[in-house]
N, C-alpha and C. Protein backbone atom coordinates (compact mmCIF):
# COMPACT_ATOMS: atom_id res chain seq x y z
N MET A 1 0.86 -1.16 0.00
CA MET A 1 0.00 0.00 0.00
C MET A 1 0.91 1.23 0.00
N ASP A 2 0.66 2.10 -0.94
CA ASP A 2 1.48 3.29 -1.00
C ASP A 2 0.88 4.41 -0.16
N LEU A 3 1.58 5.50 -0.07
CA LEU A 3 1.18 6.62 0.78
C LEU A 3 -0.13 7.24 0.32
N GLN A 4 -0.32 7.33 -0.99
CA GLN A 4 -1.55 7.93 -1.52
C GLN A 4 -2.78 7.10 -1.14
N ALA A 5 -2.70 5.79 -1.23
CA ALA A 5 -3.82 4.92 -0.85
C ALA A 5 -4.12 5.04 0.64
N LEU A 6 -3.08 5.14 1.45
CA LEU A 6 -3.27 5.29 2.89
C LEU A 6 -3.98 6.60 3.21
N ILE A 7 -3.62 7.66 2.52
CA ILE A 7 -4.27 8.96 2.74
C ILE A 7 -5.73 8.90 2.33
N VAL A 8 -6.04 8.22 1.22
CA VAL A 8 -7.43 8.08 0.79
C VAL A 8 -8.23 7.29 1.82
N TRP A 9 -7.65 6.21 2.37
CA TRP A 9 -8.32 5.42 3.41
C TRP A 9 -8.63 6.29 4.61
N LEU A 10 -7.67 7.11 5.03
CA LEU A 10 -7.87 7.97 6.20
C LEU A 10 -8.95 9.01 5.94
N ILE A 11 -8.98 9.58 4.76
CA ILE A 11 -10.00 10.58 4.43
C ILE A 11 -11.38 9.94 4.39
N ILE A 12 -11.51 8.79 3.74
CA ILE A 12 -12.79 8.09 3.70
C ILE A 12 -13.23 7.70 5.11
N GLY A 13 -12.31 7.21 5.91
CA GLY A 13 -12.62 6.84 7.29
C GLY A 13 -13.08 8.03 8.11
N ALA A 14 -12.42 9.16 7.95
CA ALA A 14 -12.80 10.35 8.71
C ALA A 14 -14.18 10.84 8.30
N ILE A 15 -14.46 10.87 7.01
CA ILE A 15 -15.78 11.33 6.54
C ILE A 15 -16.87 10.37 6.99
N ALA A 16 -16.63 9.09 6.83
CA ALA A 16 -17.64 8.09 7.21
C ALA A 16 -17.88 8.09 8.72
N GLY A 17 -16.83 8.20 9.50
CA GLY A 17 -16.98 8.25 10.95
C GLY A 17 -17.72 9.50 11.41
N TRP A 18 -17.42 10.63 10.77
CA TRP A 18 -18.13 11.87 11.11
C TRP A 18 -19.60 11.76 10.75
N LEU A 19 -19.91 11.23 9.56
CA LEU A 19 -21.31 11.04 9.16
C LEU A 19 -22.05 10.13 10.14
N ALA A 20 -21.41 9.04 10.52
CA ALA A 20 -22.05 8.10 11.45
C ALA A 20 -22.30 8.76 12.79
N GLY A 21 -21.36 9.56 13.27
CA GLY A 21 -21.54 10.26 14.53
C GLY A 21 -22.68 11.26 14.48
N GLN A 22 -22.85 11.91 13.34
CA GLN A 22 -23.94 12.89 13.19
C GLN A 22 -25.29 12.20 13.07
N ILE A 23 -25.34 11.09 12.37
CA ILE A 23 -26.59 10.37 12.16
C ILE A 23 -27.05 9.67 13.44
N MET A 24 -26.13 9.16 14.20
CA MET A 24 -26.48 8.40 15.41
C MET A 24 -26.68 9.32 16.62
N SER A 25 -27.18 10.51 16.41
CA SER A 25 -27.56 11.48 17.44
C SER A 25 -26.47 11.71 18.48
N GLY A 26 -25.29 11.83 18.00
CA GLY A 26 -24.19 12.15 18.89
C GLY A 26 -23.18 12.97 18.11
N GLY A 27 -22.32 13.61 18.81
CA GLY A 27 -21.28 14.37 18.15
C GLY A 27 -20.23 13.43 17.60
N GLY A 28 -19.25 14.00 16.98
CA GLY A 28 -18.15 13.20 16.47
C GLY A 28 -17.28 12.71 17.62
N PHE A 29 -16.27 11.98 17.29
CA PHE A 29 -15.36 11.41 18.30
C PHE A 29 -13.98 12.02 18.18
N GLY A 30 -13.89 13.17 17.56
CA GLY A 30 -12.58 13.75 17.27
C GLY A 30 -12.05 13.14 15.99
N LEU A 31 -11.01 13.72 15.46
CA LEU A 31 -10.50 13.27 14.17
C LEU A 31 -10.04 11.82 14.21
N VAL A 32 -9.25 11.46 15.21
CA VAL A 32 -8.73 10.09 15.29
C VAL A 32 -9.86 9.09 15.54
N GLY A 33 -10.78 9.42 16.41
CA GLY A 33 -11.92 8.53 16.69
C GLY A 33 -12.80 8.35 15.47
N ASP A 34 -13.05 9.44 14.73
CA ASP A 34 -13.85 9.34 13.51
C ASP A 34 -13.18 8.46 12.47
N ILE A 35 -11.87 8.60 12.33
CA ILE A 35 -11.13 7.78 11.37
C ILE A 35 -11.22 6.31 11.75
N ILE A 36 -11.04 6.00 13.03
CA ILE A 36 -11.08 4.60 13.49
C ILE A 36 -12.47 4.01 13.29
N VAL A 37 -13.50 4.75 13.68
CA VAL A 37 -14.88 4.27 13.51
C VAL A 37 -15.19 4.08 12.02
N GLY A 38 -14.77 5.01 11.19
CA GLY A 38 -15.02 4.91 9.75
C GLY A 38 -14.31 3.74 9.09
N ILE A 39 -13.07 3.50 9.48
CA ILE A 39 -12.32 2.38 8.89
C ILE A 39 -12.89 1.05 9.35
N ILE A 40 -13.24 0.94 10.63
CA ILE A 40 -13.87 -0.30 11.10
C ILE A 40 -15.23 -0.48 10.43
N GLY A 41 -15.96 0.62 10.24
CA GLY A 41 -17.23 0.57 9.52
C GLY A 41 -17.06 0.11 8.09
N ALA A 42 -15.99 0.53 7.45
CA ALA A 42 -15.73 0.08 6.08
C ALA A 42 -15.47 -1.43 6.04
N PHE A 43 -14.74 -1.95 7.03
CA PHE A 43 -14.52 -3.39 7.10
C PHE A 43 -15.84 -4.14 7.33
N ILE A 44 -16.67 -3.60 8.21
CA ILE A 44 -17.97 -4.23 8.48
C ILE A 44 -18.81 -4.26 7.21
N ALA A 45 -18.88 -3.13 6.52
CA ALA A 45 -19.66 -3.06 5.28
C ALA A 45 -19.08 -3.97 4.21
N GLY A 46 -17.75 -4.02 4.11
CA GLY A 46 -17.11 -4.89 3.13
C GLY A 46 -17.35 -6.36 3.40
N TRP A 47 -17.54 -6.72 4.65
CA TRP A 47 -17.82 -8.11 5.00
C TRP A 47 -19.31 -8.43 4.88
N LEU A 48 -20.17 -7.49 5.31
CA LEU A 48 -21.60 -7.75 5.39
C LEU A 48 -22.34 -7.59 4.06
N PHE A 49 -22.01 -6.58 3.29
CA PHE A 49 -22.76 -6.28 2.07
C PHE A 49 -22.77 -7.41 1.05
N PRO A 50 -21.66 -8.11 0.81
CA PRO A 50 -21.73 -9.23 -0.15
C PRO A 50 -22.68 -10.34 0.30
N TYR A 51 -22.76 -10.58 1.60
CA TYR A 51 -23.70 -11.59 2.11
C TYR A 51 -25.14 -11.19 1.87
N LEU A 52 -25.40 -9.89 1.92
CA LEU A 52 -26.75 -9.38 1.72
C LEU A 52 -27.06 -9.10 0.25
N GLY A 53 -26.06 -9.21 -0.62
CA GLY A 53 -26.26 -8.95 -2.04
C GLY A 53 -26.35 -7.47 -2.37
N LEU A 54 -25.79 -6.62 -1.52
CA LEU A 54 -25.83 -5.17 -1.75
C LEU A 54 -24.56 -4.70 -2.44
N HIS A 55 -24.75 -3.78 -3.39
CA HIS A 55 -23.62 -3.16 -4.07
C HIS A 55 -23.98 -1.72 -4.33
N LEU A 56 -23.23 -0.80 -3.79
CA LEU A 56 -23.56 0.62 -3.89
C LEU A 56 -22.90 1.30 -5.08
N GLY A 57 -22.21 0.57 -5.89
CA GLY A 57 -21.56 1.17 -7.05
C GLY A 57 -20.10 1.45 -6.77
N ALA A 58 -19.43 1.84 -7.81
CA ALA A 58 -18.01 2.11 -7.70
C ALA A 58 -17.78 3.59 -7.43
N GLY A 59 -16.62 3.91 -7.05
CA GLY A 59 -16.27 5.30 -6.82
C GLY A 59 -16.16 5.63 -5.35
N ILE A 60 -15.61 6.78 -5.11
CA ILE A 60 -15.34 7.19 -3.73
C ILE A 60 -16.61 7.49 -2.96
N ILE A 61 -17.65 7.99 -3.64
CA ILE A 61 -18.91 8.28 -2.95
C ILE A 61 -19.55 6.98 -2.46
N GLY A 62 -19.55 5.95 -3.29
CA GLY A 62 -20.09 4.65 -2.87
C GLY A 62 -19.31 4.07 -1.70
N GLU A 63 -18.00 4.25 -1.71
CA GLU A 63 -17.18 3.77 -0.60
C GLU A 63 -17.47 4.52 0.68
N ILE A 64 -17.66 5.83 0.58
CA ILE A 64 -17.97 6.63 1.77
C ILE A 64 -19.33 6.23 2.34
N ILE A 65 -20.32 6.04 1.46
CA ILE A 65 -21.65 5.64 1.92
C ILE A 65 -21.61 4.27 2.58
N ALA A 66 -20.91 3.32 1.95
CA ALA A 66 -20.81 1.98 2.53
C ALA A 66 -20.09 2.02 3.88
N ALA A 67 -19.01 2.77 3.96
CA ALA A 67 -18.27 2.87 5.23
C ALA A 67 -19.12 3.54 6.29
N ALA A 68 -19.90 4.54 5.91
CA ALA A 68 -20.76 5.22 6.88
C ALA A 68 -21.85 4.28 7.38
N ILE A 69 -22.42 3.47 6.51
CA ILE A 69 -23.44 2.50 6.94
C ILE A 69 -22.81 1.47 7.88
N GLY A 70 -21.63 1.00 7.55
CA GLY A 70 -20.93 0.08 8.45
C GLY A 70 -20.61 0.71 9.79
N ALA A 71 -20.22 1.99 9.79
CA ALA A 71 -19.93 2.69 11.04
C ALA A 71 -21.20 2.90 11.87
N ILE A 72 -22.33 3.15 11.19
CA ILE A 72 -23.60 3.28 11.91
C ILE A 72 -23.96 1.96 12.57
N ILE A 73 -23.77 0.86 11.86
CA ILE A 73 -24.03 -0.46 12.44
C ILE A 73 -23.12 -0.68 13.65
N LEU A 74 -21.85 -0.31 13.52
CA LEU A 74 -20.90 -0.45 14.62
C LEU A 74 -21.34 0.37 15.83
N LEU A 75 -21.73 1.61 15.63
CA LEU A 75 -22.16 2.46 16.74
C LEU A 75 -23.44 1.94 17.38
N PHE A 76 -24.35 1.44 16.56
CA PHE A 76 -25.61 0.90 17.08
C PHE A 76 -25.34 -0.30 17.99
N VAL A 77 -24.51 -1.21 17.54
CA VAL A 77 -24.19 -2.40 18.33
C VAL A 77 -23.42 -2.00 19.60
N ALA A 78 -22.50 -1.04 19.48
CA ALA A 78 -21.74 -0.60 20.66
C ALA A 78 -22.66 0.03 21.70
N ARG A 79 -23.65 0.78 21.27
CA ARG A 79 -24.58 1.39 22.23
C ARG A 79 -25.49 0.34 22.85
N LEU A 80 -25.85 -0.69 22.10
CA LEU A 80 -26.65 -1.78 22.67
C LEU A 80 -25.85 -2.52 23.74
N VAL A 81 -24.59 -2.78 23.47
CA VAL A 81 -23.75 -3.49 24.42
C VAL A 81 -23.52 -2.64 25.67
N ARG A 82 -23.33 -1.35 25.48
CA ARG A 82 -23.08 -0.47 26.61
C ARG A 82 -24.29 -0.38 27.53
N ARG A 83 -25.50 -0.40 26.96
CA ARG A 83 -26.72 -0.32 27.76
C ARG A 83 -27.00 -1.61 28.53
N ALA A 84 -26.52 -2.73 28.01
CA ALA A 84 -26.82 -4.03 28.63
C ALA A 84 -26.02 -4.26 29.88
């Protein structure tokens, strides 16, 4: 993985994590927290979407949307676990 790909991953992770934090009725988690949540969300979406037969299209916008959906799922499950 070259430096340019790493920077793109970090930007997508930050945007997706910020979107998830805004949608899930909470503020962001700071830059580093948003990046971590977004990247983990991208892994969740990359693992889950093929099983469900979902494909959001190619391009950076589709990747951001998929990562944000995965991050929302991650935050939802984390809040359920925290309440239990």
